[in-house]
C-alpha cells in the first residue's frame, strides 16, 4: 500500500480556506479512481519547532492507494486533475508540501 501525504501550512484566512477545502476540494479528491481511503486531520501541535522551516501547520491529508501504479494511474485521471485545479483555485497550492510513502506492514 502507498499513501500520498499533503501537509498544509496555516493559511492567512483559516475559515475561508477550511470552507473551500472541505466543501469543494475534498469531494473532488474522494471521487478519484483507485483511492482506497482519505484521512484528513487538523494539526494541533508540532513537536519539533522549526522542523518545517518555522511554518505553522494546519491540515494533513493522507490518501491511500493499493500500489504505486494505482497511485500513478489515479494521478492521470480527470478526477485528480479536477481536484488539482480546484486546489489551485482555492489557494492551497501555495500552502502545501506533498510526498508519497510506502506503508510498511509488520
Protein backbone atom coordinates (compact mmCIF):
# COMPACT_ATOMS: atom_id res chain seq x y z
CA UNK A 1 0.00 0.00 0.00
CA UNK A 2 1.12 3.54 -0.77
CA UNK A 3 -0.07 6.78 0.72
CA UNK A 4 0.16 10.28 -0.65
CA UNK A 5 0.54 12.88 2.07
CA UNK A 6 -0.24 16.57 1.80
CA UNK A 7 0.86 18.93 4.59
CA UNK A 8 -0.72 22.36 4.53
CA UNK A 9 0.66 25.45 6.23
CA UNK A 10 -1.78 27.59 8.12
CA UNK A 11 -3.48 29.99 5.66
CA UNK A 12 -3.98 33.68 6.36
CA UNK A 13 -7.76 33.18 6.41
CA UNK A 14 -8.31 29.82 8.10
CA UNK A 15 -12.10 29.96 7.98
CA UNK A 16 -12.25 30.72 4.24
CA UNK A 17 -9.67 28.06 3.42
CA UNK A 18 -11.42 25.41 5.51
CA UNK A 19 -14.76 26.20 3.89
CA UNK A 20 -13.34 25.83 0.39
CA UNK A 21 -11.15 22.83 1.24
CA UNK A 22 -13.87 20.77 2.89
CA UNK A 23 -16.78 21.87 0.68
CA UNK A 24 -15.17 21.78 -2.76
CA UNK A 25 -11.72 20.18 -2.74
CA UNK A 26 -12.28 17.03 -0.69
CA UNK A 27 -15.39 15.92 -2.60
CA UNK A 28 -13.30 16.05 -5.79
CA UNK A 29 -10.44 14.09 -4.24
CA UNK A 30 -12.84 11.45 -2.92
CA UNK A 31 -14.03 10.73 -6.50
CA UNK A 32 -10.50 9.76 -7.61
CA UNK A 33 -10.45 6.25 -9.09
CA UNK A 34 -8.25 3.86 -7.14
CA UNK A 35 -8.37 5.88 -3.93
CA UNK A 36 -8.94 3.42 -1.10
CA UNK A 37 -9.46 5.98 1.63
CA UNK A 38 -8.57 9.51 2.61
CA UNK A 39 -7.87 10.71 6.14
CA UNK A 40 -7.85 14.39 6.99
CA UNK A 41 -6.51 15.72 10.27
CA UNK A 42 -6.14 19.21 11.70
CA UNK A 43 -2.65 19.65 13.11
CA UNK A 44 -2.85 20.63 16.75
CA UNK A 45 0.79 20.62 17.73
CA UNK A 46 4.25 20.30 16.17
CA UNK A 47 6.76 18.65 18.47
CA UNK A 48 9.91 19.85 16.71
CA UNK A 49 9.51 23.63 16.25
CA UNK A 50 11.23 24.92 13.15
CA UNK A 51 11.46 21.45 11.58
CA UNK A 52 9.44 22.56 8.58
CA UNK A 53 11.00 25.97 8.22
CA UNK A 54 9.09 27.51 11.09
CA UNK A 55 5.74 27.34 9.31
CA UNK A 56 2.69 26.66 11.42
CA UNK A 57 0.93 23.56 10.10
CA UNK A 58 -2.81 23.45 9.62
CA UNK A 59 -4.07 20.30 7.87
CA UNK A 60 -2.61 16.91 6.97
CA UNK A 61 -4.28 14.78 4.30
CA UNK A 62 -3.35 11.14 3.74
CA UNK A 63 -4.68 9.39 0.65
CA UNK A 64 -4.20 5.63 0.35
CA UNK A 65 -3.75 3.59 -2.84
CA UNK A 66 -3.19 -0.14 -3.33
CA UNK A 67 0.15 0.34 -5.11
CA UNK A 68 2.47 2.88 -6.68
CA UNK A 69 0.98 2.02 -10.06
CA UNK A 70 -2.57 2.57 -8.77
CA UNK A 71 -1.49 5.96 -7.43
CA UNK A 72 0.19 6.85 -10.73
CA UNK A 73 -2.95 5.85 -12.63
CA UNK A 74 -5.08 7.93 -10.25
CA UNK A 75 -2.89 10.98 -10.83
CA UNK A 76 -3.67 10.75 -14.54
CA UNK A 77 -7.43 10.65 -14.01
CA UNK A 78 -9.76 13.55 -14.85
CA UNK A 79 -10.99 13.47 -11.24
CA UNK A 80 -7.48 14.02 -9.84
CA UNK A 81 -6.83 16.74 -12.40
CA UNK A 82 -10.05 18.49 -11.36
CA UNK A 83 -9.01 18.26 -7.70
CA UNK A 84 -5.62 19.80 -8.55
CA UNK A 85 -7.24 22.64 -10.48
CA UNK A 86 -9.58 23.26 -7.56
CA UNK A 87 -6.69 23.30 -5.09
CA UNK A 88 -5.04 25.99 -7.21
CA UNK A 89 -8.30 28.00 -7.29
CA UNK A 90 -8.69 27.96 -3.50
CA UNK A 91 -5.03 28.94 -2.90
CA UNK A 92 -3.96 25.60 -1.49
CA UNK A 93 -1.05 25.01 -3.88
CA UNK A 94 0.78 27.90 -2.24
CA UNK A 95 0.40 26.24 1.16
CA UNK A 96 1.10 22.57 0.53
CA UNK A 97 4.03 20.16 0.54
CA UNK A 98 3.25 16.69 -0.85
CA UNK A 99 5.03 13.36 -0.83
CA UNK A 100 4.37 9.66 -1.32
CA UNK A 101 5.35 6.93 1.12
CA UNK A 102 5.15 3.17 1.08
CA UNK A 103 3.19 1.80 4.02
CA UNK A 104 5.25 -0.79 5.92
CA UNK A 105 3.29 -3.81 7.10
CA UNK A 106 4.95 -5.53 10.02
